[in-house]
Amino acid sequence: MAVAERDIIQLRCKELFTVKFIHSAYGLLRKTFIADNIFIEPDRATKTLFTNHSVDYRFINDTLVCYIRTEVLSPPVSGPRIPYIKFDSPVVIRFLLKASTDFLNKTQVIDAGAKQLYYFSNQANAATGGFICMHSTGVNNDDLKNADTINPDKTCFAVIDIASTGAVNTSDEIFTGGAAQQLTSPAFVIPFTSTV
């Protein structure tokens, strides 16, 4: 009797970065989560980038997790990982956020409409502790930008841009410098001030 041959598929993924949303009106104790009140999607260019580089994301409870398929090293190692498909040039990963009425009512922010939006980026931030808003104390009007300056491809409440290079702190870049593209998996934070 012949033994059937099997294909072995090894997929290894690693966090490209995470964004934790902090808001005291949401969480396990309150039995309601930010993920149920903020809706996140990549813009068109980011969707294409994700398809071409085996990248995906999930928004779970209060954390956006962006992850990437990594090269399987032989023998397996627990150290730094590199993308399975490397990037040819610097990239910006953009997420568009829409907020529910419940979120707007419980948060010290304004619904800026189509003319303005909140902008969070590792290239313009508080520069400490992974905060990608202008102040570590929380999102405020300093994070508001004109929509025509940021130019999202849809009307939204906020935009998150994570750039592979040019971060305020080099520790906030998603790769180490150079062609190696070792993942650093930075953890970013956006704190919101509750009104309840």
Protein backbone atom coordinates (compact mmCIF):
# COMPACT_ATOMS: atom_id res chain seq x y z
CA MET A 1 0.00 0.00 0.00
CA ALA A 2 1.45 3.33 -1.05
CA VAL A 3 1.67 6.17 1.45
CA ALA A 4 -0.09 9.31 0.26
CA GLU A 5 2.16 12.32 -0.09
CA ARG A 6 1.16 15.42 1.78
CA ASP A 7 1.93 19.03 1.14
CA ILE A 8 3.08 20.84 4.23
CA ILE A 9 2.18 24.49 4.40
CA GLN A 10 3.93 26.65 6.92
CA LEU A 11 2.57 30.12 7.46
CA ARG A 12 4.07 32.31 10.11
CA CYS A 13 2.60 35.68 10.88
CA LYS A 14 3.89 38.41 13.16
CA GLU A 15 2.44 41.67 14.35
CA LEU A 16 3.46 44.48 12.05
CA PHE A 17 2.14 46.94 14.66
CA THR A 18 -0.73 47.39 17.11
CA VAL A 19 -2.83 50.42 18.03
CA LYS A 20 -4.50 50.31 21.46
CA PHE A 21 -7.45 52.65 22.00
CA ILE A 22 -7.81 53.79 25.60
CA HIS A 23 -11.22 55.06 26.74
CA SER A 24 -12.62 54.68 30.26
CA ALA A 25 -16.25 54.49 29.03
CA TYR A 26 -15.49 51.19 27.29
CA GLY A 27 -13.98 47.90 28.36
CA LEU A 28 -14.61 44.56 29.97
CA LEU A 29 -16.02 46.02 33.20
CA ARG A 30 -18.54 48.09 31.25
CA LYS A 31 -19.35 45.16 28.93
CA THR A 32 -19.04 47.37 25.88
CA PHE A 33 -16.02 47.72 23.64
CA ILE A 34 -14.53 50.41 21.44
CA ALA A 35 -14.46 47.89 18.56
CA ASP A 36 -18.27 48.00 18.62
CA ASN A 37 -18.29 51.80 18.34
CA ILE A 38 -15.37 52.67 16.06
CA PHE A 39 -15.35 51.15 12.60
CA ILE A 40 -11.95 50.75 10.96
CA GLU A 41 -11.04 49.96 7.38
CA PRO A 42 -7.91 50.37 5.26
CA ASP A 43 -8.09 52.88 2.42
CA ARG A 44 -7.88 51.67 -1.22
CA ALA A 45 -4.09 51.98 -1.53
CA THR A 46 -3.59 50.11 1.75
CA LYS A 47 -5.95 47.30 0.67
CA THR A 48 -3.79 46.83 -2.44
CA LEU A 49 -0.61 46.92 -0.35
CA PHE A 50 -2.08 44.29 2.00
CA THR A 51 -2.99 42.00 -0.90
CA ASN A 52 0.45 42.32 -2.49
CA HIS A 53 2.41 41.74 0.73
CA SER A 54 0.35 39.19 2.71
CA VAL A 55 -0.75 41.71 5.35
CA ASP A 56 -4.07 41.70 7.21
CA TYR A 57 -5.66 43.25 10.31
CA ARG A 58 -8.19 42.65 13.06
CA PHE A 59 -9.85 45.07 15.47
CA ILE A 60 -10.51 43.19 18.70
CA ASN A 61 -12.07 44.84 21.79
CA ASP A 62 -9.80 47.90 22.03
CA THR A 63 -6.80 46.99 19.85
CA LEU A 64 -6.15 47.20 16.13
CA VAL A 65 -3.69 44.45 15.22
CA CYS A 66 -1.98 44.65 11.84
CA TYR A 67 -0.03 41.49 11.03
CA ILE A 68 2.12 40.23 8.18
CA ARG A 69 3.21 36.88 6.81
CA THR A 70 6.86 36.40 7.66
CA GLU A 71 9.61 34.33 6.16
CA VAL A 72 9.91 30.86 7.66
CA LEU A 73 13.48 30.52 8.84
CA SER A 74 15.18 27.16 8.95
CA PRO A 75 15.68 26.18 11.68
CA PRO A 76 12.82 28.15 13.28
CA VAL A 77 14.06 30.99 15.44
CA SER A 78 12.32 33.21 17.94
CA GLY A 79 14.33 36.33 17.11
CA PRO A 80 13.52 39.15 14.67
CA ARG A 81 11.34 38.23 11.71
CA ILE A 82 11.28 39.64 8.19
CA PRO A 83 8.38 39.96 5.73
CA TYR A 84 7.75 37.00 3.45
CA ILE A 85 7.37 39.54 0.62
CA LYS A 86 9.63 42.53 1.22
CA PHE A 87 8.61 46.08 0.42
CA ASP A 88 10.37 47.76 -2.52
CA SER A 89 10.09 51.25 -1.05
CA PRO A 90 8.87 53.06 2.07
CA VAL A 91 5.14 52.62 2.71
CA VAL A 92 2.32 54.33 4.58
CA ILE A 93 -0.44 52.12 5.96
CA ARG A 94 -3.65 54.13 6.25
CA PHE A 95 -6.79 53.25 8.20
CA LEU A 96 -10.03 55.25 8.04
CA LEU A 97 -12.13 55.43 11.20
CA LYS A 98 -15.83 56.10 11.56
CA ALA A 99 -17.33 56.69 15.00
CA SER A 100 -20.77 55.74 16.28
CA THR A 101 -23.10 58.25 17.90
CA ASP A 102 -22.54 56.43 21.21
CA PHE A 103 -18.77 56.98 20.91
CA LEU A 104 -19.20 60.67 20.04
CA ASN A 105 -21.59 61.16 22.99
CA LYS A 106 -19.16 59.53 25.46
CA THR A 107 -15.98 61.19 24.21
CA GLN A 108 -14.46 64.63 24.51
CA VAL A 109 -14.16 65.14 20.73
CA ILE A 110 -16.20 66.89 18.09
CA ASP A 111 -17.83 65.37 15.04
CA ALA A 112 -15.90 67.53 12.62
CA GLY A 113 -17.96 66.59 9.56
CA ALA A 114 -16.47 66.49 6.07
CA LYS A 115 -14.14 69.48 6.47
CA GLN A 116 -11.96 68.27 9.36
CA LEU A 117 -10.87 64.96 10.86
CA TYR A 118 -8.67 63.64 13.63
CA TYR A 119 -5.23 62.60 12.41
CA PHE A 120 -2.95 60.09 14.14
CA SER A 121 0.48 59.16 12.83
CA ASN A 122 3.85 57.84 13.93
CA GLN A 123 5.33 60.78 11.97
CA ALA A 124 3.54 63.48 14.01
CA ASN A 125 2.89 62.56 17.61
CA ALA A 126 3.66 63.05 21.28
CA ALA A 127 6.96 61.20 20.69
CA THR A 128 6.86 59.15 23.88
CA GLY A 129 5.34 55.85 24.94
CA GLY A 130 3.94 54.99 21.50
CA PHE A 131 1.33 57.77 21.57
CA ILE A 132 0.34 58.68 18.01
CA CYS A 133 -1.80 61.64 19.00
CA MET A 134 -0.39 65.07 19.74
CA HIS A 135 -0.66 64.77 23.55
CA SER A 136 -0.19 61.76 25.80
CA THR A 137 -3.06 63.07 27.98
CA GLY A 138 -5.54 62.37 25.20
CA VAL A 139 -6.95 63.34 21.85
CA ASN A 140 -7.94 66.99 21.56
CA ASN A 141 -8.36 69.76 18.97
CA ASP A 142 -4.59 69.72 18.26
CA ASP A 143 -5.23 66.39 16.50
CA LEU A 144 -7.78 67.97 14.13
CA LYS A 145 -6.58 68.52 10.56
CA ASN A 146 -8.27 69.83 7.45
CA ALA A 147 -9.61 66.93 5.43
CA ASP A 148 -8.25 68.36 2.17
CA THR A 149 -4.73 68.31 3.70
CA ILE A 150 -4.95 64.64 4.76
CA ASN A 151 -7.00 63.69 1.69
CA PRO A 152 -8.73 60.44 2.75
CA ASP A 153 -10.50 58.55 -0.02
CA LYS A 154 -13.75 58.55 2.04
CA THR A 155 -15.34 60.92 4.53
CA CYS A 156 -14.38 59.74 8.01
CA PHE A 157 -14.02 60.73 11.65
CA ALA A 158 -10.26 60.03 11.83
CA VAL A 159 -7.26 58.71 9.90
CA ILE A 160 -4.39 56.60 11.21
CA ASP A 161 -1.19 56.69 9.12
CA ILE A 162 1.65 54.35 10.08
CA ALA A 163 4.74 55.03 7.97
CA SER A 164 7.58 52.55 7.59
CA THR A 165 10.14 55.38 7.76
CA GLY A 166 10.33 58.93 9.10
CA ALA A 167 8.73 58.32 12.50
CA VAL A 168 9.28 60.86 15.26
CA ASN A 169 11.15 58.11 17.17
CA THR A 170 13.02 55.42 15.23
CA SER A 171 11.58 52.90 17.71
CA ASP A 172 8.15 53.77 16.25
CA GLU A 173 9.12 52.59 12.75
CA ILE A 174 7.76 49.19 11.70
CA PHE A 175 11.13 47.96 10.33
CA THR A 176 14.73 48.33 11.33
CA GLY A 177 16.67 50.49 8.92
CA GLY A 178 18.11 49.16 5.70
CA ALA A 179 17.23 46.37 3.33
CA ALA A 180 16.93 43.73 6.07
CA GLN A 181 13.41 44.93 6.99
CA GLN A 182 13.41 43.22 10.37
CA LEU A 183 10.05 43.76 12.04
CA THR A 184 10.04 45.88 15.19
CA SER A 185 6.29 45.43 15.89
CA PRO A 186 5.75 48.78 17.66
CA ALA A 187 2.76 49.19 19.98
CA PHE A 188 0.94 52.49 19.49
CA VAL A 189 -1.63 54.13 21.77
CA ILE A 190 -4.52 56.55 21.18
CA PRO A 191 -6.13 57.73 24.44
CA PHE A 192 -9.58 59.32 24.37
CA THR A 193 -11.06 61.37 27.22
CA SER A 194 -14.42 60.16 28.44
CA THR A 195 -17.33 62.51 29.20
CA VAL A 196 -19.14 59.95 31.36
